[in-house]
Each structure stands twice: as C-alpha cells, then as structure tokens.
Amino acid sequence: MPSKSNPSYAMHLATSDEGMCLKDFTLFHAFNENGAMAIKLEANKAINKAIDDGALNMILSPNKFKAQYHVQGVKDDAKKAHTKIAEAYSAMEAA
C-alpha cells in the first residue's frame, strides 16, 4: 500500500519515487530535482549546448506529428488539472 501523502517531501527531499502515492509520485516527477521533468530539462540543456558548440550539426529532429501529439497531451493534462482544481474550490465553497 502506498505511503501517506507528503507533498513537501516528494517535491523537495525525496531521491526516488519508490512507495509514493499517485499524488506524491506526480509531484516528485514535476518538481523534484531527481524527477522526470528535471531530467528532461537537463537533457534539453545538453542538446542545446552541443548544438551551440558545433558537436551536433542539427537539432535531433523528431517527427513533427509526434512532437505535436506530446505537446497537446501536456496542454490537455494541464487543462484537466485546472478544471479539477476549479471544481474542488466550487465544492469547497458550496459546503
């Protein structure tokens, strides 16, 4: 069974996502320096540096459809999150 939620630990102190509930797992990968988002941002920096240094002659070009698909997925997820947050505040105010 996943551990009790501890968002602050997940976002700032954890070194892995092991044993985290879904909420903390998501926060870990979005905000923690060991999470997926931080790893991806570091990779982006390394790619940009390699291009600037001339080590890569071109951008690692993904298929445009695949790139658009993934960008749209991120946007859709953000929109769903904002909708859920608005619903939660509405329910809280109605109570």
PDB file of N, CA and C in Angstrom:
ATOM      1  N   MET A   1       0.842  -1.182   0.000  1.00  0.00           N
ATOM      2  CA  MET A   1       0.000   0.000   0.000  1.00  0.00           C
ATOM      3  C   MET A   1       0.888   1.246   0.000  1.00  0.00           C
ATOM      4  N   PRO A   2       0.544   2.242  -0.834  1.00  0.00           N
ATOM      5  CA  PRO A   2       1.375   3.456  -0.866  1.00  0.00           C
ATOM      6  C   PRO A   2       1.364   4.178   0.467  1.00  0.00           C
ATOM      7  N   SER A   3       2.428   4.908   0.689  1.00  0.00           N
ATOM      8  CA  SER A   3       2.541   5.662   1.943  1.00  0.00           C
ATOM      9  C   SER A   3       1.570   6.835   1.957  1.00  0.00           C
ATOM     10  N   LYS A   4       1.384   7.408   3.126  1.00  0.00           N
ATOM     11  CA  LYS A   4       0.552   8.599   3.278  1.00  0.00           C
ATOM     12  C   LYS A   4       1.193   9.745   2.501  1.00  0.00           C
ATOM     13  N   SER A   5       0.382  10.606   1.936  1.00  0.00           N
ATOM     14  CA  SER A   5       0.885  11.712   1.129  1.00  0.00           C
ATOM     15  C   SER A   5       1.743  12.665   1.949  1.00  0.00           C
ATOM     16  N   ASN A   6       2.866  13.058   1.355  1.00  0.00           N
ATOM     17  CA  ASN A   6       3.776  14.028   1.959  1.00  0.00           C
ATOM     18  C   ASN A   6       4.329  14.894   0.822  1.00  0.00           C
ATOM     19  N   PRO A   7       3.522  15.850   0.324  1.00  0.00           N
ATOM     20  CA  PRO A   7       3.903  16.632  -0.858  1.00  0.00           C
ATOM     21  C   PRO A   7       5.228  17.365  -0.730  1.00  0.00           C
ATOM     22  N   SER A   8       5.502  17.937   0.412  1.00  0.00           N
ATOM     23  CA  SER A   8       6.748  18.686   0.586  1.00  0.00           C
ATOM     24  C   SER A   8       7.958  17.772   0.431  1.00  0.00           C
ATOM     25  N   TYR A   9       7.880  16.598   1.040  1.00  0.00           N
ATOM     26  CA  TYR A   9       8.961  15.624   0.913  1.00  0.00           C
ATOM     27  C   TYR A   9       9.129  15.213  -0.544  1.00  0.00           C
ATOM     28  N   ALA A  10       8.015  14.913  -1.209  1.00  0.00           N
ATOM     29  CA  ALA A  10       8.058  14.467  -2.608  1.00  0.00           C
ATOM     30  C   ALA A  10       8.690  15.525  -3.509  1.00  0.00           C
ATOM     31  N   MET A  11       8.349  16.785  -3.296  1.00  0.00           N
ATOM     32  CA  MET A  11       8.834  17.856  -4.175  1.00  0.00           C
ATOM     33  C   MET A  11      10.267  18.279  -3.885  1.00  0.00           C
ATOM     34  N   HIS A  12      10.707  18.161  -2.636  1.00  0.00           N
ATOM     35  CA  HIS A  12      11.989  18.770  -2.272  1.00  0.00           C
ATOM     36  C   HIS A  12      13.058  17.820  -1.740  1.00  0.00           C
ATOM     37  N   LEU A  13      12.684  16.746  -1.059  1.00  0.00           N
ATOM     38  CA  LEU A  13      13.670  15.931  -0.364  1.00  0.00           C
ATOM     39  C   LEU A  13      13.865  14.527  -0.920  1.00  0.00           C
ATOM     40  N   ALA A  14      12.849  13.958  -1.524  1.00  0.00           N
ATOM     41  CA  ALA A  14      12.918  12.571  -1.986  1.00  0.00           C
ATOM     42  C   ALA A  14      13.989  12.404  -3.064  1.00  0.00           C
ATOM     43  N   THR A  15      14.591  11.223  -3.078  1.00  0.00           N
ATOM     44  CA  THR A  15      15.574  10.912  -4.114  1.00  0.00           C
ATOM     45  C   THR A  15      15.046   9.895  -5.114  1.00  0.00           C
ATOM     46  N   SER A  16      13.889   9.307  -4.823  1.00  0.00           N
ATOM     47  CA  SER A  16      13.232   8.404  -5.770  1.00  0.00           C
ATOM     48  C   SER A  16      11.729   8.443  -5.505  1.00  0.00           C
ATOM     49  N   ASP A  17      10.967   7.854  -6.415  1.00  0.00           N
ATOM     50  CA  ASP A  17       9.510   7.833  -6.265  1.00  0.00           C
ATOM     51  C   ASP A  17       9.008   6.547  -5.604  1.00  0.00           C
ATOM     52  N   GLU A  18       9.915   5.743  -5.113  1.00  0.00           N
ATOM     53  CA  GLU A  18       9.556   4.439  -4.557  1.00  0.00           C
ATOM     54  C   GLU A  18       8.575   4.563  -3.397  1.00  0.00           C
ATOM     55  N   GLY A  19       7.470   3.830  -3.486  1.00  0.00           N
ATOM     56  CA  GLY A  19       6.480   3.776  -2.418  1.00  0.00           C
ATOM     57  C   GLY A  19       5.551   4.970  -2.320  1.00  0.00           C
ATOM     58  N   MET A  20       5.632   5.892  -3.262  1.00  0.00           N
ATOM     59  CA  MET A  20       4.797   7.095  -3.185  1.00  0.00           C
ATOM     60  C   MET A  20       3.382   6.832  -3.693  1.00  0.00           C
ATOM     61  N   CYS A  21       2.428   7.528  -3.087  1.00  0.00           N
ATOM     62  CA  CYS A  21       1.074   7.503  -3.616  1.00  0.00           C
ATOM     63  C   CYS A  21       1.070   8.282  -4.936  1.00  0.00           C
ATOM     64  N   LEU A  22      -0.002   8.195  -5.689  1.00  0.00           N
ATOM     65  CA  LEU A  22      -0.065   8.823  -7.009  1.00  0.00           C
ATOM     66  C   LEU A  22       0.178  10.335  -6.939  1.00  0.00           C
ATOM     67  N   LYS A  23      -0.405  10.996  -5.951  1.00  0.00           N
ATOM     68  CA  LYS A  23      -0.232  12.450  -5.816  1.00  0.00           C
ATOM     69  C   LYS A  23       1.244  12.811  -5.654  1.00  0.00           C
ATOM     70  N   ASP A  24       1.912  12.136  -4.725  1.00  0.00           N
ATOM     71  CA  ASP A  24       3.318  12.436  -4.476  1.00  0.00           C
ATOM     72  C   ASP A  24       4.197  12.017  -5.649  1.00  0.00           C
ATOM     73  N   PHE A  25       3.855  10.894  -6.292  1.00  0.00           N
ATOM     74  CA  PHE A  25       4.575  10.440  -7.486  1.00  0.00           C
ATOM     75  C   PHE A  25       4.551  11.526  -8.555  1.00  0.00           C
ATOM     76  N   THR A  26       3.388  12.113  -8.764  1.00  0.00           N
ATOM     77  CA  THR A  26       3.230  13.179  -9.764  1.00  0.00           C
ATOM     78  C   THR A  26       4.015  14.417  -9.368  1.00  0.00           C
ATOM     79  N   LEU A  27       3.921  14.822  -8.114  1.00  0.00           N
ATOM     80  CA  LEU A  27       4.665  15.989  -7.640  1.00  0.00           C
ATOM     81  C   LEU A  27       6.165  15.764  -7.737  1.00  0.00           C
ATOM     82  N   PHE A  28       6.616  14.556  -7.393  1.00  0.00           N
ATOM     83  CA  PHE A  28       8.034  14.229  -7.477  1.00  0.00           C
ATOM     84  C   PHE A  28       8.544  14.442  -8.900  1.00  0.00           C
ATOM     85  N   HIS A  29       7.851  13.886  -9.874  1.00  0.00           N
ATOM     86  CA  HIS A  29       8.335  13.966 -11.251  1.00  0.00           C
ATOM     87  C   HIS A  29       8.155  15.350 -11.870  1.00  0.00           C
ATOM     88  N   ALA A  30       7.259  16.151 -11.337  1.00  0.00           N
ATOM     89  CA  ALA A  30       7.058  17.509 -11.860  1.00  0.00           C
ATOM     90  C   ALA A  30       8.015  18.524 -11.239  1.00  0.00           C
ATOM     91  N   PHE A  31       8.342  18.378  -9.944  1.00  0.00           N
ATOM     92  CA  PHE A  31       9.064  19.442  -9.242  1.00  0.00           C
ATOM     93  C   PHE A  31      10.403  19.057  -8.610  1.00  0.00           C
ATOM     94  N   ASN A  32      10.623  17.788  -8.334  1.00  0.00           N
ATOM     95  CA  ASN A  32      11.840  17.371  -7.641  1.00  0.00           C
ATOM     96  C   ASN A  32      13.028  17.357  -8.594  1.00  0.00           C
ATOM     97  N   GLU A  33      14.205  17.710  -8.098  1.00  0.00           N
ATOM     98  CA  GLU A  33      15.406  17.747  -8.942  1.00  0.00           C
ATOM     99  C   GLU A  33      15.814  16.364  -9.434  1.00  0.00           C
ATOM    100  N   ASN A  34      15.241  15.311  -8.863  1.00  0.00           N
ATOM    101  CA  ASN A  34      15.504  13.943  -9.311  1.00  0.00           C
ATOM    102  C   ASN A  34      14.376  13.382 -10.180  1.00  0.00           C
ATOM    103  N   GLY A  35      13.362  14.189 -10.430  1.00  0.00           N
ATOM    104  CA  GLY A  35      12.192  13.734 -11.177  1.00  0.00           C
ATOM    105  C   GLY A  35      12.358  13.838 -12.687  1.00  0.00           C
ATOM    106  N   ALA A  36      11.365  13.316 -13.385  1.00  0.00           N
ATOM    107  CA  ALA A  36      11.404  13.245 -14.853  1.00  0.00           C
ATOM    108  C   ALA A  36      11.530  14.622 -15.506  1.00  0.00           C
ATOM    109  N   MET A  37      10.830  15.619 -14.994  1.00  0.00           N
ATOM    110  CA  MET A  37      10.892  16.944 -15.610  1.00  0.00           C
ATOM    111  C   MET A  37      12.295  17.536 -15.507  1.00  0.00           C
ATOM    112  N   ALA A  38      12.929  17.395 -14.363  1.00  0.00           N
ATOM    113  CA  ALA A  38      14.293  17.912 -14.190  1.00  0.00           C
ATOM    114  C   ALA A  38      15.271  17.177 -15.098  1.00  0.00           C
ATOM    115  N   ILE A  39      15.090  15.865 -15.213  1.00  0.00           N
ATOM    116  CA  ILE A  39      15.962  15.083 -16.091  1.00  0.00           C
ATOM    117  C   ILE A  39      15.803  15.538 -17.531  1.00  0.00           C
ATOM    118  N   LYS A  40      14.568  15.776 -17.959  1.00  0.00           N
ATOM    119  CA  LYS A  40      14.312  16.230 -19.330  1.00  0.00           C
ATOM    120  C   LYS A  40      14.886  17.626 -19.557  1.00  0.00           C
ATOM    121  N   LEU A  41      14.748  18.516 -18.592  1.00  0.00           N
ATOM    122  CA  LEU A  41      15.290  19.869 -18.754  1.00  0.00           C
ATOM    123  C   LEU A  41      16.810  19.841 -18.868  1.00  0.00           C
ATOM    124  N   GLU A  42      17.461  18.979 -18.089  1.00  0.00           N
ATOM    125  CA  GLU A  42      18.919  18.840 -18.189  1.00  0.00           C
ATOM    126  C   GLU A  42      19.314  18.299 -19.564  1.00  0.00           C
ATOM    127  N   ALA A  43      18.556  17.354 -20.083  1.00  0.00           N
ATOM    128  CA  ALA A  43      18.835  16.825 -21.424  1.00  0.00           C
ATOM    129  C   ALA A  43      18.682  17.924 -22.470  1.00  0.00           C
ATOM    130  N   ASN A  44      17.654  18.753 -22.317  1.00  0.00           N
ATOM    131  CA  ASN A  44      17.461  19.871 -23.253  1.00  0.00           C
ATOM    132  C   ASN A  44      18.661  20.821 -23.229  1.00  0.00           C
ATOM    133  N   LYS A  45      19.154  21.113 -22.031  1.00  0.00           N
ATOM    134  CA  LYS A  45      20.324  21.989 -21.910  1.00  0.00           C
ATOM    135  C   LYS A  45      21.539  21.370 -22.592  1.00  0.00           C
ATOM    136  N   ALA A  46      21.731  20.069 -22.394  1.00  0.00           N
ATOM    137  CA  ALA A  46      22.868  19.386 -23.010  1.00  0.00           C
ATOM    138  C   ALA A  46      22.758  19.388 -24.534  1.00  0.00           C
ATOM    139  N   ILE A  47      21.564  19.176 -25.051  1.00  0.00           N
ATOM    140  CA  ILE A  47      21.346  19.211 -26.505  1.00  0.00           C
ATOM    141  C   ILE A  47      21.653  20.598 -27.048  1.00  0.00           C
ATOM    142  N   ASN A  48      21.119  21.619 -26.391  1.00  0.00           N
ATOM    143  CA  ASN A  48      21.352  22.997 -26.844  1.00  0.00           C
ATOM    144  C   ASN A  48      22.833  23.356 -26.807  1.00  0.00           C
ATOM    145  N   LYS A  49      23.536  22.928 -25.749  1.00  0.00           N
ATOM    146  CA  LYS A  49      24.971  23.206 -25.663  1.00  0.00           C
ATOM    147  C   LYS A  49      25.718  22.495 -26.788  1.00  0.00           C
ATOM    148  N   ALA A  50      25.376  21.247 -27.052  1.00  0.00           N
ATOM    149  CA  ALA A  50      26.033  20.500 -28.119  1.00  0.00           C
ATOM    150  C   ALA A  50      25.803  21.152 -29.482  1.00  0.00           C
ATOM    151  N   ILE A  51      24.627  21.690 -29.696  1.00  0.00           N
ATOM    152  CA  ILE A  51      24.349  22.411 -30.945  1.00  0.00           C
ATOM    153  C   ILE A  51      25.168  23.697 -30.994  1.00  0.00           C
ATOM    154  N   ASP A  52      25.163  24.471 -29.901  1.00  0.00           N
ATOM    155  CA  ASP A  52      25.929  25.720 -29.844  1.00  0.00           C
ATOM    156  C   ASP A  52      27.430  25.477 -30.019  1.00  0.00           C
ATOM    157  N   ASP A  53      27.930  24.366 -29.474  1.00  0.00           N
ATOM    158  CA  ASP A  53      29.356  24.038 -29.579  1.00  0.00           C
ATOM    159  C   ASP A  53      29.734  23.436 -30.922  1.00  0.00           C
ATOM    160  N   GLY A  54      28.737  23.143 -31.735  1.00  0.00           N
ATOM    161  CA  GLY A  54      29.005  22.560 -33.043  1.00  0.00           C
ATOM    162  C   GLY A  54      29.165  21.052 -33.025  1.00  0.00           C
ATOM    163  N   ALA A  55      28.940  20.422 -31.870  1.00  0.00           N
ATOM    164  CA  ALA A  55      29.054  18.964 -31.789  1.00  0.00           C
ATOM    165  C   ALA A  55      27.901  18.276 -32.515  1.00  0.00           C
ATOM    166  N   LEU A  56      26.767  18.918 -32.519  1.00  0.00           N
ATOM    167  CA  LEU A  56      25.622  18.431 -33.305  1.00  0.00           C
ATOM    168  C   LEU A  56      25.375  19.439 -34.415  1.00  0.00           C
ATOM    169  N   ASN A  57      25.267  18.948 -35.618  1.00  0.00           N
ATOM    170  CA  ASN A  57      25.049  19.842 -36.749  1.00  0.00           C
ATOM    171  C   ASN A  57      23.592  20.203 -36.935  1.00  0.00           C
ATOM    172  N   MET A  58      22.727  19.433 -36.353  1.00  0.00           N
ATOM    173  CA  MET A  58      21.300  19.708 -36.482  1.00  0.00           C
ATOM    174  C   MET A  58      20.614  19.331 -35.191  1.00  0.00           C
ATOM    175  N   ILE A  59      19.442  19.883 -35.040  1.00  0.00           N
ATOM    176  CA  ILE A  59      18.627  19.528 -33.884  1.00  0.00           C
ATOM    177  C   ILE A  59      18.182  18.085 -34.069  1.00  0.00           C
ATOM    178  N   LEU A  60      18.143  17.338 -32.994  1.00  0.00           N
ATOM    179  CA  LEU A  60      17.639  15.970 -33.065  1.00  0.00           C
ATOM    180  C   LEU A  60      16.174  16.059 -33.457  1.00  0.00           C
ATOM    181  N   SER A  61      15.871  15.906 -34.737  1.00  0.00           N
ATOM    182  CA  SER A  61      14.522  16.242 -35.210  1.00  0.00           C
ATOM    183  C   SER A  61      13.547  15.091 -35.085  1.00  0.00           C
ATOM    184  N   PRO A  62      12.630  15.205 -34.119  1.00  0.00           N
ATOM    185  CA  PRO A  62      11.573  14.207 -34.020  1.00  0.00           C
ATOM    186  C   PRO A  62      10.546  14.445 -35.114  1.00  0.00           C
ATOM    187  N   ASN A  63       9.774  13.448 -35.359  1.00  0.00           N
ATOM    188  CA  ASN A  63       8.667  13.577 -36.286  1.00  0.00           C
ATOM    189  C   ASN A  63       7.748  14.689 -35.774  1.00  0.00           C
ATOM    190  N   LYS A  64       7.360  15.626 -36.639  1.00  0.00           N
ATOM    191  CA  LYS A  64       6.567  16.770 -36.194  1.00  0.00           C
ATOM    192  C   LYS A  64       5.231  16.327 -35.609  1.00  0.00           C
ATOM    193  N   PHE A  65       4.616  15.324 -36.204  1.00  0.00           N
ATOM    194  CA  PHE A  65       3.341  14.846 -35.664  1.00  0.00           C
ATOM    195  C   PHE A  65       3.525  14.341 -34.234  1.00  0.00           C
ATOM    196  N   LYS A  66       4.590  13.567 -33.992  1.00  0.00           N
ATOM    197  CA  LYS A  66       4.841  13.049 -32.643  1.00  0.00           C
ATOM    198  C   LYS A  66       5.068  14.185 -31.657  1.00  0.00           C
ATOM    199  N   ALA A  67       5.825  15.185 -32.076  1.00  0.00           N
ATOM    200  CA  ALA A  67       6.088  16.327 -31.196  1.00  0.00           C
ATOM    201  C   ALA A  67       4.790  17.060 -30.873  1.00  0.00           C
ATOM    202  N   GLN A  68       3.969  17.305 -31.895  1.00  0.00           N
ATOM    203  CA  GLN A  68       2.696  17.991 -31.671  1.00  0.00           C
ATOM    204  C   GLN A  68       1.771  17.174 -30.768  1.00  0.00           C
ATOM    205  N   TYR A  69       1.788  15.863 -30.976  1.00  0.00           N
ATOM    206  CA  TYR A  69       0.958  14.970 -30.162  1.00  0.00           C
ATOM    207  C   TYR A  69       1.333  15.085 -28.685  1.00  0.00           C
ATOM    208  N   HIS A  70       2.620  15.050 -28.389  1.00  0.00           N
ATOM    209  CA  HIS A  70       3.065  15.106 -26.997  1.00  0.00           C
ATOM    210  C   HIS A  70       2.831  16.487 -26.383  1.00  0.00           C
ATOM    211  N   VAL A  71       3.035  17.531 -27.158  1.00  0.00           N
ATOM    212  CA  VAL A  71       2.766  18.886 -26.654  1.00  0.00           C
ATOM    213  C   VAL A  71       1.281  19.030 -26.335  1.00  0.00           C
ATOM    214  N   GLN A  72       0.433  18.526 -27.216  1.00  0.00           N
ATOM    215  CA  GLN A  72      -1.011  18.612 -26.972  1.00  0.00           C
ATOM    216  C   GLN A  72      -1.392  17.827 -25.720  1.00  0.00           C
ATOM    217  N   GLY A  73      -0.743  16.690 -25.507  1.00  0.00           N
ATOM    218  CA  GLY A  73      -1.011  15.902 -24.301  1.00  0.00           C
ATOM    219  C   GLY A  73      -0.684  16.669 -23.033  1.00  0.00           C
ATOM    220  N   VAL A  74       0.437  17.369 -23.034  1.00  0.00           N
ATOM    221  CA  VAL A  74       0.816  18.178 -21.872  1.00  0.00           C
ATOM    222  C   VAL A  74      -0.212  19.284 -21.649  1.00  0.00           C
ATOM    223  N   LYS A  75      -0.614  19.942 -22.727  1.00  0.00           N
ATOM    224  CA  LYS A  75      -1.631  21.006 -22.612  1.00  0.00           C
ATOM    225  C   LYS A  75      -2.957  20.453 -22.088  1.00  0.00           C
ATOM    226  N   ASP A  76      -3.374  19.300 -22.612  1.00  0.00           N
ATOM    227  CA  ASP A  76      -4.623  18.683 -22.169  1.00  0.00           C
ATOM    228  C   ASP A  76      -4.569  18.322 -20.687  1.00  0.00           C
ATOM    229  N   ASP A  77      -3.445  17.758 -20.255  1.00  0.00           N
ATOM    230  CA  ASP A  77      -3.290  17.412 -18.844  1.00  0.00           C
ATOM    231  C   ASP A  77      -3.372  18.651 -17.954  1.00  0.00           C
ATOM    232  N   ALA A  78      -2.745  19.748 -18.388  1.00  0.00           N
ATOM    233  CA  ALA A  78      -2.786  20.991 -17.610  1.00  0.00           C
ATOM    234  C   ALA A  78      -4.220  21.525 -17.538  1.00  0.00           C
ATOM    235  N   LYS A  79      -4.931  21.455 -18.660  1.00  0.00           N
ATOM    236  CA  LYS A  79      -6.323  21.936 -18.684  1.00  0.00           C
ATOM    237  C   LYS A  79      -7.192  21.101 -17.740  1.00  0.00           C
ATOM    238  N   LYS A  80      -7.014  19.774 -17.768  1.00  0.00           N
ATOM    239  CA  LYS A  80      -7.767  18.898 -16.865  1.00  0.00           C
ATOM    240  C   LYS A  80      -7.466  19.230 -15.415  1.00  0.00           C
ATOM    241  N   ALA A  81      -6.196  19.501 -15.105  1.00  0.00           N
ATOM    242  CA  ALA A  81      -5.816  19.841 -13.733  1.00  0.00           C
ATOM    243  C   ALA A  81      -6.503  21.123 -13.282  1.00  0.00           C
ATOM    244  N   HIS A  82      -6.509  22.137 -14.140  1.00  0.00           N
ATOM    245  CA  HIS A  82      -7.163  23.400 -13.789  1.00  0.00           C
ATOM    246  C   HIS A  82      -8.669  23.208 -13.598  1.00  0.00           C
ATOM    247  N   THR A  83      -9.279  22.367 -14.416  1.00  0.00           N
ATOM    248  CA  THR A  83     -10.705  22.078 -14.275  1.00  0.00           C
ATOM    249  C   THR A  83     -10.985  21.399 -12.946  1.00  0.00           C
ATOM    250  N   LYS A  84     -10.168  20.391 -12.586  1.00  0.00           N
ATOM    251  CA  LYS A  84     -10.350  19.691 -11.312  1.00  0.00           C
ATOM    252  C   LYS A  84     -10.165  20.638 -10.129  1.00  0.00           C
ATOM    253  N   ILE A  85      -9.191  21.531 -10.234  1.00  0.00           N
ATOM    254  CA  ILE A  85      -8.949  22.498  -9.159  1.00  0.00           C
ATOM    255  C   ILE A  85     -10.151  23.424  -9.003  1.00  0.00           C
ATOM    256  N   ALA A  86     -10.681  23.920 -10.118  1.00  0.00           N
ATOM    257  CA  ALA A  86     -11.856  24.794 -10.072  1.00  0.00           C
ATOM    258  C   ALA A  86     -13.049  24.063  -9.467  1.00  0.00           C
ATOM    259  N   GLU A  87     -13.233  22.803  -9.841  1.00  0.00           N
ATOM    260  CA  GLU A  87     -14.330  22.005  -9.285  1.00  0.00           C
ATOM    261  C   GLU A  87     -14.154  21.816  -7.780  1.00  0.00           C
ATOM    262  N   ALA A  88     -12.921  21.589  -7.356  1.00  0.00           N
ATOM    263  CA  ALA A  88     -12.655  21.396  -5.932  1.00  0.00           C
ATOM    264  C   ALA A  88     -12.968  22.657  -5.134  1.00  0.00           C
ATOM    265  N   TYR A  89     -12.561  23.809  -5.661  1.00  0.00           N
ATOM    266  CA  TYR A  89     -12.865  25.070  -4.967  1.00  0.00           C
ATOM    267  C   TYR A  89     -14.364  25.334  -4.954  1.00  0.00           C
ATOM    268  N   SER A  90     -15.073  25.036  -6.041  1.00  0.00           N
ATOM    269  CA  SER A  90     -16.514  25.223  -6.081  1.00  0.00           C
ATOM    270  C   SER A  90     -17.205  24.344  -5.045  1.00  0.00           C
ATOM    271  N   ALA A  91     -16.766  23.089  -4.950  1.00  0.00           N
ATOM    272  CA  ALA A  91     -17.352  22.172  -3.967  1.00  0.00           C
ATOM    273  C   ALA A  91     -17.066  22.643  -2.546  1.00  0.00           C
ATOM    274  N   MET A  92     -15.860  23.178  -2.334  1.00  0.00           N
ATOM    275  CA  MET A  92     -15.486  23.659  -1.000  1.00  0.00           C
ATOM    276  C   MET A  92     -16.357  24.865  -0.626  1.00  0.00           C
ATOM    277  N   GLU A  93     -16.586  25.757  -1.582  1.00  0.00           N
ATOM    278  CA  GLU A  93     -17.391  26.946  -1.306  1.00  0.00           C
ATOM    279  C   GLU A  93     -18.865  26.594  -1.089  1.00  0.00           C
ATOM    280  N   ALA A  94     -19.338  25.546  -1.760  1.00  0.00           N
ATOM    281  CA  ALA A  94     -20.731  25.131  -1.626  1.00  0.00           C
ATOM    282  C   ALA A  94     -20.992  24.445  -0.284  1.00  0.00           C
ATOM    283  N   ALA A  95     -19.936  23.910   0.296  1.00  0.00           N
ATOM    284  CA  ALA A  95     -20.098  23.166   1.562  1.00  0.00           C
ATOM    285  C   ALA A  95     -20.256  24.074   2.750  1.00  0.00           C
TER     286      ALA A  95
END
